[in-house]
Full PDB file with SEQRES, HELIX, SHEET, SSBOND, CRYST1, ORIGX, SCALE, CONECT and MASTER records, all heavy atoms in Angstrom:
SEQRES   1 A   42  SER ALA GLU ALA TYR VAL THR ALA LEU LYS LYS ARG LEU          
SEQRES   2 A   42  HIS LEU PRO LEU HIS LYS THR PRO THR VAL LYS GLN GLY          
SEQRES   3 A   42  PRO THR SER LYS LEU PRO THR ALA SER THR SER GLN HIS          
SEQRES   4 A   42  THR GLY LYS                                                  
HELIX    1 AA1 ALA A    2  LEU A   13  1                                  12    
CRYST1    1.000    1.000    1.000  90.00  90.00  90.00 P 1           1          
ORIGX1      1.000000  0.000000  0.000000        0.00000                         
ORIGX2      0.000000  1.000000  0.000000        0.00000                         
ORIGX3      0.000000  0.000000  1.000000        0.00000                         
SCALE1      1.000000  0.000000  0.000000        0.00000                         
SCALE2      0.000000  1.000000  0.000000        0.00000                         
SCALE3      0.000000  0.000000  1.000000        0.00000                         
ATOM      1  N   SER A   1     127.727 115.847 112.034  1.00  0.00           N  
ATOM      2  CA  SER A   1     128.398 114.631 112.491  1.00  0.00           C  
ATOM      3  C   SER A   1     127.475 113.422 112.382  1.00  0.00           C  
ATOM      4  O   SER A   1     127.915 112.322 112.009  1.00  0.00           O  
ATOM      5  CB  SER A   1     128.866 114.804 113.943  1.00  0.00           C  
ATOM      6  OG  SER A   1     129.768 115.884 114.060  1.00  0.00           O  
ATOM      7  N   ALA A   2     126.203 113.607 112.719  1.00  0.00           N  
ATOM      8  CA  ALA A   2     125.241 112.514 112.607  1.00  0.00           C  
ATOM      9  C   ALA A   2     125.084 112.083 111.149  1.00  0.00           C  
ATOM     10  O   ALA A   2     124.973 110.882 110.853  1.00  0.00           O  
ATOM     11  CB  ALA A   2     123.895 112.942 113.183  1.00  0.00           C  
ATOM     12  N   GLU A   3     125.077 113.052 110.232  1.00  0.00           N  
ATOM     13  CA  GLU A   3     124.974 112.715 108.809  1.00  0.00           C  
ATOM     14  C   GLU A   3     126.162 111.850 108.370  1.00  0.00           C  
ATOM     15  O   GLU A   3     126.003 110.845 107.665  1.00  0.00           O  
ATOM     16  CB  GLU A   3     124.917 113.983 107.959  1.00  0.00           C  
ATOM     17  CG  GLU A   3     124.813 113.690 106.470  1.00  0.00           C  
ATOM     18  CD  GLU A   3     125.107 114.900 105.597  1.00  0.00           C  
ATOM     19  OE1 GLU A   3     125.529 115.934 106.131  1.00  0.00           O  
ATOM     20  OE2 GLU A   3     124.932 114.779 104.366  1.00  0.00           O  
ATOM     21  N   ALA A   4     127.382 112.236 108.790  1.00  0.00           N  
ATOM     22  CA  ALA A   4     128.559 111.463 108.424  1.00  0.00           C  
ATOM     23  C   ALA A   4     128.485 110.047 109.007  1.00  0.00           C  
ATOM     24  O   ALA A   4     128.827 109.062 108.328  1.00  0.00           O  
ATOM     25  CB  ALA A   4     129.817 112.177 108.915  1.00  0.00           C  
ATOM     26  N   TYR A   5     128.030 109.953 110.256  1.00  0.00           N  
ATOM     27  CA  TYR A   5     127.909 108.635 110.903  1.00  0.00           C  
ATOM     28  C   TYR A   5     126.893 107.756 110.172  1.00  0.00           C  
ATOM     29  O   TYR A   5     127.156 106.588 109.869  1.00  0.00           O  
ATOM     30  CB  TYR A   5     127.502 108.825 112.361  1.00  0.00           C  
ATOM     31  CG  TYR A   5     127.175 107.539 113.076  1.00  0.00           C  
ATOM     32  CD1 TYR A   5     128.181 106.777 113.663  1.00  0.00           C  
ATOM     33  CD2 TYR A   5     125.859 107.084 113.155  1.00  0.00           C  
ATOM     34  CE1 TYR A   5     127.882 105.580 114.317  1.00  0.00           C  
ATOM     35  CE2 TYR A   5     125.550 105.891 113.799  1.00  0.00           C  
ATOM     36  CZ  TYR A   5     126.562 105.139 114.376  1.00  0.00           C  
ATOM     37  OH  TYR A   5     126.261 103.963 115.007  1.00  0.00           O  
ATOM     38  N   VAL A   6     125.717 108.308 109.881  1.00  0.00           N  
ATOM     39  CA  VAL A   6     124.655 107.528 109.235  1.00  0.00           C  
ATOM     40  C   VAL A   6     125.059 107.149 107.815  1.00  0.00           C  
ATOM     41  O   VAL A   6     124.793 106.025 107.352  1.00  0.00           O  
ATOM     42  CB  VAL A   6     123.333 108.322 109.248  1.00  0.00           C  
ATOM     43  CG1 VAL A   6     122.276 107.632 108.387  1.00  0.00           C  
ATOM     44  CG2 VAL A   6     122.827 108.482 110.675  1.00  0.00           C  
ATOM     45  N   THR A   7     125.708 108.056 107.106  1.00  0.00           N  
ATOM     46  CA  THR A   7     126.143 107.758 105.743  1.00  0.00           C  
ATOM     47  C   THR A   7     127.114 106.582 105.729  1.00  0.00           C  
ATOM     48  O   THR A   7     126.980 105.652 104.912  1.00  0.00           O  
ATOM     49  CB  THR A   7     126.804 109.000 105.117  1.00  0.00           C  
ATOM     50  OG1 THR A   7     125.839 110.049 105.037  1.00  0.00           O  
ATOM     51  CG2 THR A   7     127.331 108.690 103.725  1.00  0.00           C  
ATOM     52  N   ALA A   8     128.087 106.594 106.634  1.00  0.00           N  
ATOM     53  CA  ALA A   8     129.047 105.488 106.700  1.00  0.00           C  
ATOM     54  C   ALA A   8     128.357 104.178 107.069  1.00  0.00           C  
ATOM     55  O   ALA A   8     128.661 103.114 106.506  1.00  0.00           O  
ATOM     56  CB  ALA A   8     130.137 105.819 107.716  1.00  0.00           C  
ATOM     57  N   LEU A   9     127.411 104.260 108.006  1.00  0.00           N  
ATOM     58  CA  LEU A   9     126.684 103.066 108.426  1.00  0.00           C  
ATOM     59  C   LEU A   9     125.860 102.490 107.280  1.00  0.00           C  
ATOM     60  O   LEU A   9     125.868 101.267 107.031  1.00  0.00           O  
ATOM     61  CB  LEU A   9     125.787 103.417 109.614  1.00  0.00           C  
ATOM     62  CG  LEU A   9     124.939 102.292 110.210  1.00  0.00           C  
ATOM     63  CD1 LEU A   9     125.813 101.176 110.749  1.00  0.00           C  
ATOM     64  CD2 LEU A   9     124.031 102.842 111.317  1.00  0.00           C  
ATOM     65  N   LYS A  10     125.163 103.342 106.547  1.00  0.00           N  
ATOM     66  CA  LYS A  10     124.326 102.875 105.447  1.00  0.00           C  
ATOM     67  C   LYS A  10     125.161 102.308 104.299  1.00  0.00           C  
ATOM     68  O   LYS A  10     124.760 101.344 103.639  1.00  0.00           O  
ATOM     69  CB  LYS A  10     123.423 104.010 104.960  1.00  0.00           C  
ATOM     70  CG  LYS A  10     122.237 104.298 105.863  1.00  0.00           C  
ATOM     71  CD  LYS A  10     121.304 105.291 105.215  1.00  0.00           C  
ATOM     72  CE  LYS A  10     119.969 105.342 105.896  1.00  0.00           C  
ATOM     73  NZ  LYS A  10     119.028 106.263 105.209  1.00  0.00           N  
ATOM     74  N   LYS A  11     126.294 102.922 104.053  1.00  0.00           N  
ATOM     75  CA  LYS A  11     127.175 102.389 103.002  1.00  0.00           C  
ATOM     76  C   LYS A  11     127.618 100.976 103.368  1.00  0.00           C  
ATOM     77  O   LYS A  11     127.642 100.081 102.513  1.00  0.00           O  
ATOM     78  CB  LYS A  11     128.382 103.304 102.824  1.00  0.00           C  
ATOM     79  CG  LYS A  11     128.090 104.571 102.034  1.00  0.00           C  
ATOM     80  CD  LYS A  11     129.359 105.401 101.848  1.00  0.00           C  
ATOM     81  CE  LYS A  11     129.083 106.635 100.992  1.00  0.00           C  
ATOM     82  NZ  LYS A  11     130.303 107.472 100.824  1.00  0.00           N  
ATOM     83  N   ARG A  12     127.958 100.771 104.622  1.00  0.00           N  
ATOM     84  CA  ARG A  12     128.391  99.445 105.055  1.00  0.00           C  
ATOM     85  C   ARG A  12     127.268  98.430 104.951  1.00  0.00           C  
ATOM     86  O   ARG A  12     127.503  97.259 104.656  1.00  0.00           O  
ATOM     87  CB  ARG A  12     128.909  99.533 106.493  1.00  0.00           C  
ATOM     88  CG  ARG A  12     129.393  98.206 107.054  1.00  0.00           C  
ATOM     89  CD  ARG A  12     130.201  98.406 108.336  1.00  0.00           C  
ATOM     90  NE  ARG A  12     129.459  99.088 109.366  1.00  0.00           N  
ATOM     91  CZ  ARG A  12     128.565  98.498 110.170  1.00  0.00           C  
ATOM     92  NH1 ARG A  12     128.296  97.200 110.014  1.00  0.00           N  
ATOM     93  NH2 ARG A  12     127.956  99.180 111.103  1.00  0.00           N  
ATOM     94  N   LEU A  13     126.035  98.873 105.181  1.00  0.00           N  
ATOM     95  CA  LEU A  13     124.880  97.971 105.124  1.00  0.00           C  
ATOM     96  C   LEU A  13     124.235  97.926 103.741  1.00  0.00           C  
ATOM     97  O   LEU A  13     123.226  97.241 103.545  1.00  0.00           O  
ATOM     98  CB  LEU A  13     123.838  98.424 106.154  1.00  0.00           C  
ATOM     99  CG  LEU A  13     124.276  98.372 107.625  1.00  0.00           C  
ATOM    100  CD1 LEU A  13     123.207  98.980 108.515  1.00  0.00           C  
ATOM    101  CD2 LEU A  13     124.588  96.939 108.060  1.00  0.00           C  
ATOM    102  N   HIS A  14     124.803  98.692 102.782  1.00  0.00           N  
ATOM    103  CA  HIS A  14     124.294  98.747 101.404  1.00  0.00           C  
ATOM    104  C   HIS A  14     122.830  99.222 101.363  1.00  0.00           C  
ATOM    105  O   HIS A  14     121.983  98.653 100.673  1.00  0.00           O  
ATOM    106  CB  HIS A  14     124.424  97.373 100.719  1.00  0.00           C  
ATOM    107  CG  HIS A  14     125.827  96.843 100.732  1.00  0.00           C  
ATOM    108  ND1 HIS A  14     126.836  97.399  99.966  1.00  0.00           N  
ATOM    109  CD2 HIS A  14     126.394  95.815 101.438  1.00  0.00           C  
ATOM    110  CE1 HIS A  14     127.975  96.738 100.186  1.00  0.00           C  
ATOM    111  NE2 HIS A  14     127.730  95.774 101.079  1.00  0.00           N  
ATOM    112  N   LEU A  15     122.555 100.268 102.133  1.00  0.00           N  
ATOM    113  CA  LEU A  15     121.216 100.861 102.180  1.00  0.00           C  
ATOM    114  C   LEU A  15     121.211 102.179 101.411  1.00  0.00           C  
ATOM    115  O   LEU A  15     122.251 102.846 101.301  1.00  0.00           O  
ATOM    116  CB  LEU A  15     120.798 101.124 103.627  1.00  0.00           C  
ATOM    117  CG  LEU A  15     120.632  99.901 104.526  1.00  0.00           C  
ATOM    118  CD1 LEU A  15     120.405 100.332 105.973  1.00  0.00           C  
ATOM    119  CD2 LEU A  15     119.473  99.032 104.043  1.00  0.00           C  
ATOM    120  N   PRO A  16     120.042 102.585 100.859  1.00  0.00           N  
ATOM    121  CA  PRO A  16     119.959 103.912 100.213  1.00  0.00           C  
ATOM    122  C   PRO A  16     120.368 104.996 101.203  1.00  0.00           C  
ATOM    123  O   PRO A  16     120.003 104.946 102.385  1.00  0.00           O  
ATOM    124  CB  PRO A  16     118.485 104.021  99.834  1.00  0.00           C  
ATOM    125  CG  PRO A  16     117.980 102.620  99.796  1.00  0.00           C  
ATOM    126  CD  PRO A  16     118.768 101.862 100.829  1.00  0.00           C  
ATOM    127  N   LEU A  17     121.116 105.973 100.708  1.00  0.00           N  
ATOM    128  CA  LEU A  17     121.685 106.963 101.618  1.00  0.00           C  
ATOM    129  C   LEU A  17     120.690 107.996 102.098  1.00  0.00           C  
ATOM    130  O   LEU A  17     120.702 108.395 103.258  1.00  0.00           O  
ATOM    131  CB  LEU A  17     122.870 107.662 100.947  1.00  0.00           C  
ATOM    132  CG  LEU A  17     124.087 106.780 100.677  1.00  0.00           C  
ATOM    133  CD1 LEU A  17     125.206 107.616 100.089  1.00  0.00           C  
ATOM    134  CD2 LEU A  17     124.565 106.109 101.962  1.00  0.00           C  
ATOM    135  N   HIS A  18     119.809 108.497 101.218  1.00  0.00           N  
ATOM    136  CA  HIS A  18     118.973 109.637 101.590  1.00  0.00           C  
ATOM    137  C   HIS A  18     117.534 109.420 101.137  1.00  0.00           C  
ATOM    138  O   HIS A  18     117.264 108.731 100.158  1.00  0.00           O  
ATOM    139  CB  HIS A  18     119.503 110.932 100.963  1.00  0.00           C  
ATOM    140  CG  HIS A  18     120.909 111.236 101.350  1.00  0.00           C  
ATOM    141  ND1 HIS A  18     121.271 111.568 102.628  1.00  0.00           N  
ATOM    142  CD2 HIS A  18     122.058 111.252 100.615  1.00  0.00           C  
ATOM    143  CE1 HIS A  18     122.583 111.775 102.690  1.00  0.00           C  
ATOM    144  NE2 HIS A  18     123.076 111.589 101.481  1.00  0.00           N  
ATOM    145  N   LYS A  19     116.630 110.016 101.872  1.00  0.00           N  
ATOM    146  CA  LYS A  19     115.231 110.024 101.463  1.00  0.00           C  
ATOM    147  C   LYS A  19     114.998 111.137 100.463  1.00  0.00           C  
ATOM    148  O   LYS A  19     115.818 112.046 100.307  1.00  0.00           O  
ATOM    149  CB  LYS A  19     114.312 110.215 102.677  1.00  0.00           C  
ATOM    150  CG  LYS A  19     114.344 111.606 103.302  1.00  0.00           C  
ATOM    151  CD  LYS A  19     113.439 111.662 104.509  1.00  0.00           C  
ATOM    152  CE  LYS A  19     113.410 113.066 105.129  1.00  0.00           C  
ATOM    153  NZ  LYS A  19     112.708 114.032 104.308  1.00  0.00           N  
ATOM    154  N   THR A  20     113.858 111.109  99.785  1.00  0.00           N  
ATOM    155  CA  THR A  20     113.505 112.170  98.851  1.00  0.00           C  
ATOM    156  C   THR A  20     113.133 113.424  99.623  1.00  0.00           C  
ATOM    157  O   THR A  20     112.338 113.365 100.564  1.00  0.00           O  
ATOM    158  CB  THR A  20     112.311 111.744  97.973  1.00  0.00           C  
ATOM    159  OG1 THR A  20     112.671 110.540  97.298  1.00  0.00           O  
ATOM    160  CG2 THR A  20     111.964 112.827  96.966  1.00  0.00           C  
ATOM    161  N   PRO A  21     113.725 114.576  99.281  1.00  0.00           N  
ATOM    162  CA  PRO A  21     113.380 115.809 100.002  1.00  0.00           C  
ATOM    163  C   PRO A  21     111.882 116.094  99.926  1.00  0.00           C  
ATOM    164  O   PRO A  21     111.252 115.927  98.883  1.00  0.00           O  
ATOM    165  CB  PRO A  21     114.184 116.886  99.267  1.00  0.00           C  
ATOM    166  CG  PRO A  21     115.286 116.148  98.588  1.00  0.00           C  
ATOM    167  CD  PRO A  21     114.709 114.812  98.229  1.00  0.00           C  
ATOM    168  N   THR A  22     111.310 116.494 101.076  1.00  0.00           N  
ATOM    169  CA  THR A  22     109.892 116.842 101.124  1.00  0.00           C  
ATOM    170  C   THR A  22     109.707 118.137 101.866  1.00  0.00           C  
ATOM    171  O   THR A  22     110.571 118.577 102.605  1.00  0.00           O  
ATOM    172  CB  THR A  22     109.074 115.745 101.844  1.00  0.00           C  
ATOM    173  OG1 THR A  22     109.581 115.598 103.170  1.00  0.00           O  
ATOM    174  CG2 THR A  22     109.167 114.415 101.118  1.00  0.00           C  
ATOM    175  N   VAL A  23     108.548 118.734 101.682  1.00  0.00           N  
ATOM    176  CA  VAL A  23     108.184 119.936 102.413  1.00  0.00           C  
ATOM    177  C   VAL A  23     106.870 119.663 103.120  1.00  0.00           C  
ATOM    178  O   VAL A  23     105.926 119.159 102.504  1.00  0.00           O  
ATOM    179  CB  VAL A  23     108.041 121.152 101.471  1.00  0.00           C  
ATOM    180  CG1 VAL A  23     107.559 122.360 102.253  1.00  0.00           C  
ATOM    181  CG2 VAL A  23     109.360 121.442 100.783  1.00  0.00           C  
ATOM    182  N   LYS A  24     106.806 119.938 104.393  1.00  0.00           N  
ATOM    183  CA  LYS A  24     105.592 119.710 105.174  1.00  0.00           C  
ATOM    184  C   LYS A  24     104.461 120.579 104.653  1.00  0.00           C  
ATOM    185  O   LYS A  24     104.638 121.747 104.385  1.00  0.00           O  
ATOM    186  CB  LYS A  24     105.845 120.005 106.659  1.00  0.00           C  
ATOM    187  CG  LYS A  24     104.607 119.818 107.527  1.00  0.00           C  
ATOM    188  CD  LYS A  24     104.946 120.084 108.973  1.00  0.00           C  
ATOM    189  CE  LYS A  24     103.691 120.026 109.841  1.00  0.00           C  
ATOM    190  NZ  LYS A  24     103.092 118.722 109.892  1.00  0.00           N  
ATOM    191  N   GLN A  25     103.274 119.960 104.517  1.00  0.00           N  
ATOM    192  CA  GLN A  25     102.098 120.693 104.079  1.00  0.00           C  
ATOM    193  C   GLN A  25     101.183 120.939 105.265  1.00  0.00           C  
ATOM    194  O   GLN A  25     101.165 120.172 106.218  1.00  0.00           O  
ATOM    195  CB  GLN A  25     101.355 119.900 102.999  1.00  0.00           C  
ATOM    196  CG  GLN A  25     102.202 119.605 101.768  1.00  0.00           C  
ATOM    197  CD  GLN A  25     102.606 120.874 101.042  1.00  0.00           C  
ATOM    198  OE1 GLN A  25     101.802 121.799 100.919  1.00  0.00           O  
ATOM    199  NE2 GLN A  25     103.834 120.914 100.568  1.00  0.00           N  
ATOM    200  N   GLY A  26     100.381 121.991 105.192  1.00  0.00           N  
ATOM    201  CA  GLY A  26      99.408 122.254 106.236  1.00  0.00           C  
ATOM    202  C   GLY A  26      99.965 123.112 107.349  1.00  0.00           C  
ATOM    203  O   GLY A  26     101.109 123.542 107.307  1.00  0.00           O  
ATOM    204  N   PRO A  27      99.153 123.374 108.388  1.00  0.00           N  
ATOM    205  CA  PRO A  27      99.561 124.299 109.444  1.00  0.00           C  
ATOM    206  C   PRO A  27     100.618 123.702 110.340  1.00  0.00           C  
ATOM    207  O   PRO A  27     100.677 122.500 110.549  1.00  0.00           O  
ATOM    208  CB  PRO A  27      98.253 124.515 110.220  1.00  0.00           C  
ATOM    209  CG  PRO A  27      97.484 123.249 109.999  1.00  0.00           C  
ATOM    210  CD  PRO A  27      97.815 122.812 108.602  1.00  0.00           C  
ATOM    211  N   THR A  28     101.490 124.541 110.879  1.00  0.00           N  
ATOM    212  CA  THR A  28     102.441 124.113 111.881  1.00  0.00           C  
ATOM    213  C   THR A  28     101.723 124.048 113.213  1.00  0.00           C  
ATOM    214  O   THR A  28     100.602 124.513 113.368  1.00  0.00           O  
ATOM    215  CB  THR A  28     103.614 125.099 111.974  1.00  0.00           C  
ATOM    216  OG1 THR A  28     103.111 126.368 112.394  1.00  0.00           O  
ATOM    217  CG2 THR A  28     104.325 125.236 110.640  1.00  0.00           C  
ATOM    218  N   SER A  29     102.399 123.464 114.213  1.00  0.00           N  
ATOM    219  CA  SER A  29     101.753 123.315 115.518  1.00  0.00           C  
ATOM    220  C   SER A  29     101.682 124.627 116.276  1.00  0.00           C  
ATOM    221  O   SER A  29     100.950 124.745 117.233  1.00  0.00           O  
ATOM    222  CB  SER A  29     102.522 122.275 116.349  1.00  0.00           C  
ATOM    223  OG  SER A  29     103.836 122.717 116.585  1.00  0.00           O  
ATOM    224  N   LYS A  30     102.476 125.616 115.851  1.00  0.00           N  
ATOM    225  CA  LYS A  30     102.444 126.916 116.505  1.00  0.00           C  
ATOM    226  C   LYS A  30     102.122 127.977 115.473  1.00  0.00           C  
ATOM    227  O   LYS A  30     102.734 128.052 114.416  1.00  0.00           O  
ATOM    228  CB  LYS A  30     103.789 127.233 117.163  1.00  0.00           C  
ATOM    229  CG  LYS A  30     104.098 126.330 118.354  1.00  0.00           C  
ATOM    230  CD  LYS A  30     103.161 126.589 119.494  1.00  0.00           C  
ATOM    231  CE  LYS A  30     103.454 125.694 120.677  1.00  0.00           C  
ATOM    232  NZ  LYS A  30     102.491 125.835 121.743  1.00  0.00           N  
ATOM    233  N   LEU A  31     101.165 128.800 115.772  1.00  0.00           N  
ATOM    234  CA  LEU A  31     100.740 129.834 114.849  1.00  0.00           C  
ATOM    235  C   LEU A  31     101.202 131.190 115.331  1.00  0.00           C  
ATOM    236  O   LEU A  31     101.451 131.381 116.512  1.00  0.00           O  
ATOM    237  CB  LEU A  31      99.213 129.824 114.738  1.00  0.00           C  
ATOM    238  CG  LEU A  31      98.616 128.529 114.183  1.00  0.00           C  
ATOM    239  CD1 LEU A  31      97.127 128.512 114.453  1.00  0.00           C  
ATOM    240  CD2 LEU A  31      98.902 128.407 112.700  1.00  0.00           C  
ATOM    241  N   PRO A  32     101.322 132.170 114.435  1.00  0.00           N  
ATOM    242  CA  PRO A  32     101.641 133.524 114.877  1.00  0.00           C  
ATOM    243  C   PRO A  32     100.557 134.028 115.820  1.00  0.00           C  
ATOM    244  O   PRO A  32      99.441 133.528 115.831  1.00  0.00           O  
ATOM    245  CB  PRO A  32     101.667 134.331 113.574  1.00  0.00           C  
ATOM    246  CG  PRO A  32     101.824 133.328 112.495  1.00  0.00           C  
ATOM    247  CD  PRO A  32     101.160 132.077 112.984  1.00  0.00           C  
ATOM    248  N   THR A  33     100.884 135.018 116.587  1.00  0.00           N  
ATOM    249  CA  THR A  33      99.948 135.518 117.579  1.00  0.00           C  
ATOM    250  C   THR A  33      99.499 136.928 117.273  1.00  0.00           C  
ATOM    251  O   THR A  33     100.254 137.756 116.776  1.00  0.00           O  
ATOM    252  CB  THR A  33     100.595 135.502 118.967  1.00  0.00           C  
ATOM    253  OG1 THR A  33     101.801 136.256 118.907  1.00  0.00           O  
ATOM    254  CG2 THR A  33     100.924 134.083 119.402  1.00  0.00           C  
ATOM    255  N   ALA A  34      98.223 137.186 117.577  1.00  0.00           N  
ATOM    256  CA  ALA A  34      97.719 138.545 117.435  1.00  0.00           C  
ATOM    257  C   ALA A  34      98.331 139.412 118.523  1.00  0.00           C  
ATOM    258  O   ALA A  34      98.752 138.944 119.566  1.00  0.00           O  
ATOM    259  CB  ALA A  34      96.188 138.547 117.558  1.00  0.00           C  
ATOM    260  N   SER A  35      98.368 140.691 118.294  1.00  0.00           N  
ATOM    261  CA  SER A  35      99.008 141.611 119.239  1.00  0.00           C  
ATOM    262  C   SER A  35      98.265 141.617 120.561  1.00  0.00           C  
ATOM    263  O   SER A  35      97.051 141.518 120.620  1.00  0.00           O  
ATOM    264  CB  SER A  35      98.993 143.020 118.651  1.00  0.00           C  
ATOM    265  OG  SER A  35      99.403 143.957 119.613  1.00  0.00           O  
ATOM    266  N   THR A  36      99.043 141.709 121.660  1.00  0.00           N  
ATOM    267  CA  THR A  36      98.422 141.836 122.974  1.00  0.00           C  
ATOM    268  C   THR A  36      98.321 143.285 123.411  1.00  0.00           C  
ATOM    269  O   THR A  36      97.880 143.578 124.499  1.00  0.00           O  
ATOM    270  CB  THR A  36      99.247 141.061 124.030  1.00  0.00           C  
ATOM    271  OG1 THR A  36     100.576 141.587 124.045  1.00  0.00           O  
ATOM    272  CG2 THR A  36      99.286 139.583 123.716  1.00  0.00           C  
ATOM    273  N   SER A  37      98.740 144.214 122.564  1.00  0.00           N  
ATOM    274  CA  SER A  37      98.623 145.624 122.903  1.00  0.00           C  
ATOM    275  C   SER A  37      97.202 146.099 122.656  1.00  0.00           C  
ATOM    276  O   SER A  37      96.385 145.399 122.084  1.00  0.00           O  
ATOM    277  CB  SER A  37      99.610 146.444 122.061  1.00  0.00           C  
ATOM    278  OG  SER A  37      99.326 146.283 120.694  1.00  0.00           O  
ATOM    279  N   GLN A  38      96.907 147.315 123.087  1.00  0.00           N  
ATOM    280  CA  GLN A  38      95.550 147.832 122.953  1.00  0.00           C  
ATOM    281  C   GLN A  38      95.149 147.881 121.485  1.00  0.00           C  
ATOM    282  O   GLN A  38      95.914 148.274 120.619  1.00  0.00           O  
ATOM    283  CB  GLN A  38      95.451 149.227 123.563  1.00  0.00           C  
ATOM    284  CG  GLN A  38      94.015 149.733 123.620  1.00  0.00           C  
ATOM    285  CD  GLN A  38      93.903 150.989 124.434  1.00  0.00           C  
ATOM    286  OE1 GLN A  38      94.876 151.510 124.919  1.00  0.00           O  
ATOM    287  NE2 GLN A  38      92.682 151.486 124.590  1.00  0.00           N  
ATOM    288  N   HIS A  39      93.923 147.462 121.221  1.00  0.00           N  
ATOM    289  CA  HIS A  39      93.439 147.355 119.847  1.00  0.00           C  
ATOM    290  C   HIS A  39      93.350 148.727 119.185  1.00  0.00           C  
ATOM    291  O   HIS A  39      92.834 149.671 119.751  1.00  0.00           O  
ATOM    292  CB  HIS A  39      92.061 146.697 119.855  1.00  0.00           C  
ATOM    293  CG  HIS A  39      91.450 146.568 118.505  1.00  0.00           C  
ATOM    294  ND1 HIS A  39      92.157 146.123 117.416  1.00  0.00           N  
ATOM    295  CD2 HIS A  39      90.194 146.830 118.074  1.00  0.00           C  
ATOM    296  CE1 HIS A  39      91.341 146.105 116.354  1.00  0.00           C  
ATOM    297  NE2 HIS A  39      90.162 146.528 116.737  1.00  0.00           N  
ATOM    298  N   THR A  40      93.909 148.806 117.963  1.00  0.00           N  
ATOM    299  CA  THR A  40      93.897 150.083 117.243  1.00  0.00           C  
ATOM    300  C   THR A  40      93.223 149.988 115.882  1.00  0.00           C  
ATOM    301  O   THR A  40      93.327 150.898 115.089  1.00  0.00           O  
ATOM    302  CB  THR A  40      95.329 150.603 117.042  1.00  0.00           C  
ATOM    303  OG1 THR A  40      96.109 149.604 116.348  1.00  0.00           O  
ATOM    304  CG2 THR A  40      95.990 150.903 118.375  1.00  0.00           C  
ATOM    305  N   GLY A  41      92.541 148.894 115.590  1.00  0.00           N  
ATOM    306  CA  GLY A  41      91.801 148.848 114.336  1.00  0.00           C  
ATOM    307  C   GLY A  41      91.820 147.514 113.641  1.00  0.00           C  
ATOM    308  O   GLY A  41      90.814 147.072 113.111  1.00  0.00           O  
ATOM    309  N   LYS A  42      92.955 146.804 113.644  1.00  0.00           N  
ATOM    310  CA  LYS A  42      93.053 145.528 112.967  1.00  0.00           C  
ATOM    311  C   LYS A  42      93.684 144.496 113.899  1.00  0.00           C  
ATOM    312  O   LYS A  42      94.802 144.656 114.359  1.00  0.00           O  
ATOM    313  CB  LYS A  42      93.917 145.653 111.701  1.00  0.00           C  
ATOM    314  CG  LYS A  42      93.260 146.441 110.576  1.00  0.00           C  
ATOM    315  CD  LYS A  42      92.108 145.662 109.940  1.00  0.00           C  
ATOM    316  CE  LYS A  42      91.515 146.389 108.749  1.00  0.00           C  
ATOM    317  NZ  LYS A  42      90.385 145.672 108.160  1.00  0.00           N  
TER     318      LYS A  42                                                      
MASTER        0    0    0    1    0    0    0    6  317    1    0    4          
END                                                                             
């Protein structure tokens, strides 16, 4: 719904509709976690 709203708004204002698709580089703010169970080797 937000996409439809913004698209209509931008068309009325004669603005470019979409940004160039990108992919985030580098680490995310949350990393996987090591096991909390008893250590068995790795």
